[in-house]
Amino acid sequence: MKKMFFAMTSFALAAPLLLGSPAMAQNAQQDKMKQCNADAAGKKGDERKAFMSSCLKKEQPKPATQQDKMKQCNADAAGKKGDERKAFMSSCLKKDK
């Protein structure tokens, strides 16, 4: 009985962390709204409405995956050999693109 109670209690406490909370999504939307609002400075009326609408609909660019970085760095390293290539690849893969 105690084990079952412990398991249920543990799940109830951990569920919001595992599933993500609505507050996190709301904060992301609020941050997006703040950024769009700042970018819309100086716009008025219909121009502002159109800008805000398009700004809020935009998807945030996804960060490059490690595989994408590797492909790009390999292409950029064409013609390099040995230690020069190793040094280039190391610095290229560490960059945030």
C-alpha atoms as a PDB file:
ATOM      1  CA  MET A   1       0.000   0.000   0.000  1.00  0.00           C
ATOM      2  CA  LYS A   2       2.813   2.394   0.892  1.00  0.00           C
ATOM      3  CA  LYS A   3       4.608   1.611  -2.368  1.00  0.00           C
ATOM      4  CA  MET A   4       1.522   2.405  -4.410  1.00  0.00           C
ATOM      5  CA  PHE A   5       0.961   5.659  -2.528  1.00  0.00           C
ATOM      6  CA  PHE A   6       4.612   6.620  -3.033  1.00  0.00           C
ATOM      7  CA  ALA A   7       4.436   5.845  -6.766  1.00  0.00           C
ATOM      8  CA  MET A   8       1.243   7.862  -7.210  1.00  0.00           C
ATOM      9  CA  THR A   9       2.617  10.788  -5.222  1.00  0.00           C
ATOM     10  CA  SER A  10       5.888  10.741  -7.150  1.00  0.00           C
ATOM     11  CA  PHE A  11       4.056  10.750 -10.482  1.00  0.00           C
ATOM     12  CA  ALA A  12       1.762  13.566  -9.389  1.00  0.00           C
ATOM     13  CA  LEU A  13       4.756  15.696  -8.426  1.00  0.00           C
ATOM     14  CA  ALA A  14       6.819  14.852 -11.512  1.00  0.00           C
ATOM     15  CA  ALA A  15       4.071  14.990 -14.161  1.00  0.00           C
ATOM     16  CA  PRO A  16       4.179  18.776 -14.681  1.00  0.00           C
ATOM     17  CA  LEU A  17       7.943  18.629 -15.150  1.00  0.00           C
ATOM     18  CA  LEU A  18       7.788  15.749 -17.596  1.00  0.00           C
ATOM     19  CA  LEU A  19       4.871  17.002 -19.626  1.00  0.00           C
ATOM     20  CA  GLY A  20       5.829  20.670 -19.675  1.00  0.00           C
ATOM     21  CA  SER A  21       3.647  23.250 -18.100  1.00  0.00           C
ATOM     22  CA  PRO A  22       1.267  25.645 -19.840  1.00  0.00           C
ATOM     23  CA  ALA A  23       3.139  28.458 -18.112  1.00  0.00           C
ATOM     24  CA  MET A  24       6.247  27.676 -20.171  1.00  0.00           C
ATOM     25  CA  ALA A  25       4.314  27.951 -23.419  1.00  0.00           C
ATOM     26  CA  GLN A  26       2.647  31.120 -22.217  1.00  0.00           C
ATOM     27  CA  ASN A  27       6.016  32.670 -21.349  1.00  0.00           C
ATOM     28  CA  ALA A  28       7.341  31.865 -24.824  1.00  0.00           C
ATOM     29  CA  GLN A  29       4.301  33.513 -26.395  1.00  0.00           C
ATOM     30  CA  GLN A  30       4.688  36.520 -24.120  1.00  0.00           C
ATOM     31  CA  ASP A  31       8.349  36.831 -25.067  1.00  0.00           C
ATOM     32  CA  LYS A  32       7.418  36.677 -28.745  1.00  0.00           C
ATOM     33  CA  MET A  33       4.769  39.360 -28.197  1.00  0.00           C
ATOM     34  CA  LYS A  34       7.284  41.613 -26.430  1.00  0.00           C
ATOM     35  CA  GLN A  35       9.798  41.232 -29.247  1.00  0.00           C
ATOM     36  CA  CYS A  36       7.236  41.904 -31.979  1.00  0.00           C
ATOM     37  CA  ASN A  37       5.928  44.875 -30.029  1.00  0.00           C
ATOM     38  CA  ALA A  38       9.436  46.333 -29.787  1.00  0.00           C
ATOM     39  CA  ASP A  39      10.032  45.753 -33.509  1.00  0.00           C
ATOM     40  CA  ALA A  40       6.743  47.486 -34.346  1.00  0.00           C
ATOM     41  CA  ALA A  41       7.837  50.773 -32.769  1.00  0.00           C
ATOM     42  CA  GLY A  42       6.867  53.682 -34.988  1.00  0.00           C
ATOM     43  CA  LYS A  43       4.180  51.831 -36.911  1.00  0.00           C
ATOM     44  CA  LYS A  44       0.559  52.864 -36.493  1.00  0.00           C
ATOM     45  CA  GLY A  45      -2.906  51.717 -37.512  1.00  0.00           C
ATOM     46  CA  ASP A  46      -3.308  49.107 -40.221  1.00  0.00           C
ATOM     47  CA  GLU A  47       0.433  48.964 -40.882  1.00  0.00           C
ATOM     48  CA  ARG A  48       1.035  48.001 -37.233  1.00  0.00           C
ATOM     49  CA  LYS A  49      -1.774  45.425 -37.252  1.00  0.00           C
ATOM     50  CA  ALA A  50      -0.394  43.775 -40.383  1.00  0.00           C
ATOM     51  CA  PHE A  51       3.147  43.776 -39.007  1.00  0.00           C
ATOM     52  CA  MET A  52       2.115  42.320 -35.646  1.00  0.00           C
ATOM     53  CA  SER A  53       0.039  39.630 -37.328  1.00  0.00           C
ATOM     54  CA  SER A  54       2.880  38.492 -39.558  1.00  0.00           C
ATOM     55  CA  CYS A  55       5.459  38.774 -36.773  1.00  0.00           C
ATOM     56  CA  LEU A  56       3.455  36.636 -34.357  1.00  0.00           C
ATOM     57  CA  LYS A  57       2.823  33.972 -37.008  1.00  0.00           C
ATOM     58  CA  LYS A  58       6.501  33.545 -37.861  1.00  0.00           C
ATOM     59  CA  GLU A  59       8.155  30.364 -36.714  1.00  0.00           C
ATOM     60  CA  GLN A  60      11.433  30.717 -34.929  1.00  0.00           C
ATOM     61  CA  PRO A  61      14.313  29.290 -36.975  1.00  0.00           C
ATOM     62  CA  LYS A  62      15.419  25.903 -35.744  1.00  0.00           C
ATOM     63  CA  PRO A  63      19.018  25.666 -34.653  1.00  0.00           C
ATOM     64  CA  ALA A  64      21.288  23.745 -36.991  1.00  0.00           C
ATOM     65  CA  THR A  65      21.624  20.094 -36.072  1.00  0.00           C
ATOM     66  CA  GLN A  66      25.043  18.557 -35.593  1.00  0.00           C
ATOM     67  CA  GLN A  67      24.558  16.681 -38.856  1.00  0.00           C
ATOM     68  CA  ASP A  68      23.796  19.915 -40.718  1.00  0.00           C
ATOM     69  CA  LYS A  69      26.878  21.552 -39.212  1.00  0.00           C
ATOM     70  CA  MET A  70      29.019  18.585 -40.246  1.00  0.00           C
ATOM     71  CA  LYS A  71      27.785  18.766 -43.854  1.00  0.00           C
ATOM     72  CA  GLN A  72      28.460  22.505 -44.068  1.00  0.00           C
ATOM     73  CA  CYS A  73      31.884  22.274 -42.435  1.00  0.00           C
ATOM     74  CA  ASN A  74      32.887  19.388 -44.713  1.00  0.00           C
ATOM     75  CA  ALA A  75      31.918  21.443 -47.742  1.00  0.00           C
ATOM     76  CA  ASP A  76      33.847  24.448 -46.443  1.00  0.00           C
ATOM     77  CA  ALA A  77      36.922  22.303 -45.694  1.00  0.00           C
ATOM     78  CA  ALA A  78      37.352  21.208 -49.302  1.00  0.00           C
ATOM     79  CA  GLY A  79      41.028  21.369 -50.264  1.00  0.00           C
ATOM     80  CA  LYS A  80      42.338  21.345 -46.697  1.00  0.00           C
ATOM     81  CA  LYS A  81      44.361  18.339 -45.504  1.00  0.00           C
ATOM     82  CA  GLY A  82      45.952  16.992 -42.352  1.00  0.00           C
ATOM     83  CA  ASP A  83      46.323  19.225 -39.324  1.00  0.00           C
ATOM     84  CA  GLU A  84      44.949  22.235 -41.187  1.00  0.00           C
ATOM     85  CA  ARG A  85      41.698  20.331 -41.877  1.00  0.00           C
ATOM     86  CA  LYS A  86      41.467  19.042 -38.286  1.00  0.00           C
ATOM     87  CA  ALA A  87      41.902  22.541 -36.866  1.00  0.00           C
ATOM     88  CA  PHE A  88      39.383  23.994 -39.301  1.00  0.00           C
ATOM     89  CA  MET A  89      36.779  21.283 -38.625  1.00  0.00           C
ATOM     90  CA  SER A  90      37.187  21.664 -34.871  1.00  0.00           C
ATOM     91  CA  SER A  91      36.650  25.415 -34.933  1.00  0.00           C
ATOM     92  CA  CYS A  92      33.851  25.156 -37.517  1.00  0.00           C
ATOM     93  CA  LEU A  93      31.859  22.604 -35.518  1.00  0.00           C
ATOM     94  CA  LYS A  94      32.145  24.654 -32.317  1.00  0.00           C
ATOM     95  CA  LYS A  95      30.595  27.758 -33.928  1.00  0.00           C
ATOM     96  CA  ASP A  96      26.950  28.575 -33.398  1.00  0.00           C
ATOM     97  CA  LYS A  97      25.487  29.084 -36.850  1.00  0.00           C
END
